[in-house]
Amino acid sequence: MSARTLRTGEVARAAGVNVETLRYYERRGILKEPRRRPSGYREYPSDTVQVVRFIKRAQELGFRLDVIEELLALRDNDARACAEVRRAAVDKLDEIEAKLRALRAMKRALGKLVASCDENAPARVCPILEALDDSRRTT
């Protein structure tokens, strides 16, 4: 008896993505090109749903598709060490921390601009607009 296969729409529904997402993953090489039925319909192995869910969860954690591809390869290779996966996660944590620092700096800068804004002043002298407009800056 052959293993159960799924058509594109079935995989997409079960994994919670749209059909174009599956096709994109195929084009990127993250999902293997499925067999085709004589009718032309794609026939995915049933484990494709778990692979797509893995990809989506990794994306939710901020991993880029090229890193996710590496994680999938690590997942399927018993000869590779967990340390390689940990390294990718630590790199992602470092990247997130850098983004948080940048966001905090942006928040401080914008907060100062908002605090310096006189709501009743004409827009042409608004410190927020002045900060955004290169032509008004004096360096």
Protein backbone atom coordinates (compact mmCIF):
# COMPACT_ATOMS: atom_id res chain seq x y z
CA MET A 1 0.00 0.00 0.00
CA SER A 2 1.39 3.42 -0.94
CA ALA A 3 1.78 6.27 1.52
CA ARG A 4 -1.02 8.82 1.52
CA THR A 5 -0.42 11.80 -0.71
CA LEU A 6 -2.09 15.19 -0.66
CA ARG A 7 -2.96 17.68 -3.33
CA THR A 8 -1.81 21.29 -3.14
CA GLY A 9 -5.01 22.65 -1.64
CA GLU A 10 -5.10 19.92 0.99
CA VAL A 11 -1.54 20.66 2.10
CA ALA A 12 -2.21 24.40 2.15
CA ARG A 13 -5.36 24.03 4.25
CA ALA A 14 -3.81 21.57 6.69
CA ALA A 15 -0.69 23.74 7.12
CA GLY A 16 -2.62 27.02 7.35
CA VAL A 17 -1.01 28.68 4.32
CA ASN A 18 -2.18 29.58 0.85
CA VAL A 19 -1.36 27.67 -2.31
CA GLU A 20 0.99 30.38 -3.55
CA THR A 21 3.09 29.96 -0.40
CA LEU A 22 3.65 26.30 -1.29
CA ARG A 23 4.59 27.18 -4.84
CA TYR A 24 6.98 29.85 -3.57
CA TYR A 25 8.66 27.36 -1.24
CA GLU A 26 9.02 24.99 -4.20
CA ARG A 27 10.59 27.69 -6.37
CA ARG A 28 13.00 28.53 -3.54
CA GLY A 29 13.90 24.85 -3.21
CA ILE A 30 12.77 24.65 0.41
CA LEU A 31 10.08 22.15 -0.53
CA LYS A 32 10.93 19.38 -2.92
CA GLU A 33 9.09 19.48 -6.20
CA PRO A 34 6.25 16.97 -5.76
CA ARG A 35 5.35 14.22 -8.16
CA ARG A 36 2.57 14.97 -10.56
CA ARG A 37 -0.41 12.81 -11.30
CA PRO A 38 -1.19 12.08 -14.93
CA SER A 39 -3.86 14.79 -14.60
CA GLY A 40 -1.13 17.31 -13.74
CA TYR A 41 -2.09 17.71 -10.09
CA ARG A 42 0.78 17.86 -7.64
CA GLU A 43 1.03 14.93 -5.22
CA TYR A 44 2.72 15.83 -1.95
CA PRO A 45 3.85 13.30 0.65
CA SER A 46 1.72 13.65 3.80
CA ASP A 47 4.73 14.82 5.85
CA THR A 48 4.80 18.01 3.74
CA VAL A 49 2.24 19.52 6.12
CA GLN A 50 4.69 19.17 9.03
CA VAL A 51 7.50 20.64 6.94
CA VAL A 52 5.40 23.68 6.01
CA ARG A 53 4.33 24.17 9.63
CA PHE A 54 8.02 23.97 10.65
CA ILE A 55 8.86 26.66 8.09
CA LYS A 56 6.04 28.94 9.28
CA ARG A 57 6.98 28.56 12.96
CA ALA A 58 10.61 29.32 12.14
CA GLN A 59 9.51 32.41 10.21
CA GLU A 60 7.41 33.52 13.19
CA LEU A 61 10.61 33.41 15.25
CA GLY A 62 12.26 35.66 12.69
CA PHE A 63 14.40 33.15 10.79
CA ARG A 64 15.03 33.96 7.13
CA LEU A 65 14.23 31.31 4.53
CA ASP A 66 17.89 30.56 3.81
CA VAL A 67 18.45 29.81 7.50
CA ILE A 68 15.24 27.77 7.64
CA GLU A 69 16.56 25.71 4.76
CA GLU A 70 19.68 24.97 6.83
CA LEU A 71 17.54 24.12 9.86
CA LEU A 72 15.51 21.68 7.79
CA ALA A 73 18.72 20.04 6.60
CA LEU A 74 19.93 19.77 10.19
CA ARG A 75 16.57 18.34 11.25
CA ASP A 76 16.88 15.56 8.71
CA ASN A 77 20.52 14.67 9.42
CA ASP A 78 21.30 12.62 12.53
CA ALA A 79 25.02 13.10 11.96
CA ARG A 80 24.77 16.83 12.68
CA ALA A 81 24.96 18.23 16.20
CA CYS A 82 22.38 20.29 18.05
CA ALA A 83 25.15 22.87 18.50
CA GLU A 84 24.65 23.93 14.88
CA VAL A 85 20.97 24.59 15.52
CA ARG A 86 21.82 26.41 18.74
CA ARG A 87 24.29 28.61 16.85
CA ALA A 88 21.58 29.65 14.40
CA ALA A 89 19.24 30.45 17.31
CA VAL A 90 21.93 32.46 19.14
CA ASP A 91 22.63 34.41 15.94
CA LYS A 92 18.89 35.17 15.66
CA LEU A 93 18.79 36.28 19.32
CA ASP A 94 21.73 38.62 18.71
CA GLU A 95 19.97 40.05 15.65
CA ILE A 96 16.76 40.59 17.62
CA GLU A 97 18.68 42.27 20.44
CA ALA A 98 20.30 44.66 17.94
CA LYS A 99 16.89 45.49 16.48
CA LEU A 100 15.53 46.13 19.97
CA ARG A 101 18.40 48.54 20.69
CA ALA A 102 17.70 50.34 17.43
CA LEU A 103 13.97 50.50 18.20
CA ARG A 104 14.67 51.91 21.68
CA ALA A 105 16.89 54.59 20.13
CA MET A 106 14.16 55.41 17.61
CA LYS A 107 11.61 55.61 20.43
CA ARG A 108 13.82 58.04 22.40
CA ALA A 109 14.44 60.23 19.36
CA LEU A 110 10.78 60.33 18.39
CA GLY A 111 9.77 60.97 21.99
CA LYS A 112 12.07 64.02 22.10
CA LEU A 113 10.57 65.31 18.87
CA VAL A 114 7.02 64.82 20.12
CA ALA A 115 7.88 66.57 23.40
CA SER A 116 9.35 69.53 21.53
CA CYS A 117 6.29 69.95 19.33
CA ASP A 118 3.96 72.86 20.07
CA GLU A 119 0.59 71.59 18.85
CA ASN A 120 -0.63 75.14 18.25
CA ALA A 121 2.35 76.22 16.13
CA PRO A 122 2.05 76.31 12.33
CA ALA A 123 3.11 73.11 10.61
CA ARG A 124 5.89 74.94 8.71
CA VAL A 125 7.81 75.34 11.99
CA CYS A 126 7.00 71.90 13.36
CA PRO A 127 10.17 70.32 14.83
CA ILE A 128 9.04 66.86 13.69
CA LEU A 129 8.76 68.01 10.07
CA GLU A 130 12.04 69.89 10.36
CA ALA A 131 13.79 66.76 11.61
CA LEU A 132 12.43 64.77 8.66
CA ASP A 133 13.15 67.37 5.99
CA ASP A 134 16.75 67.30 4.75
CA SER A 135 16.37 70.63 2.98
CA ARG A 136 15.70 72.38 6.31
CA ARG A 137 18.65 70.81 8.13
CA THR A 138 21.82 72.69 8.82
CA THR A 139 24.85 70.49 9.27
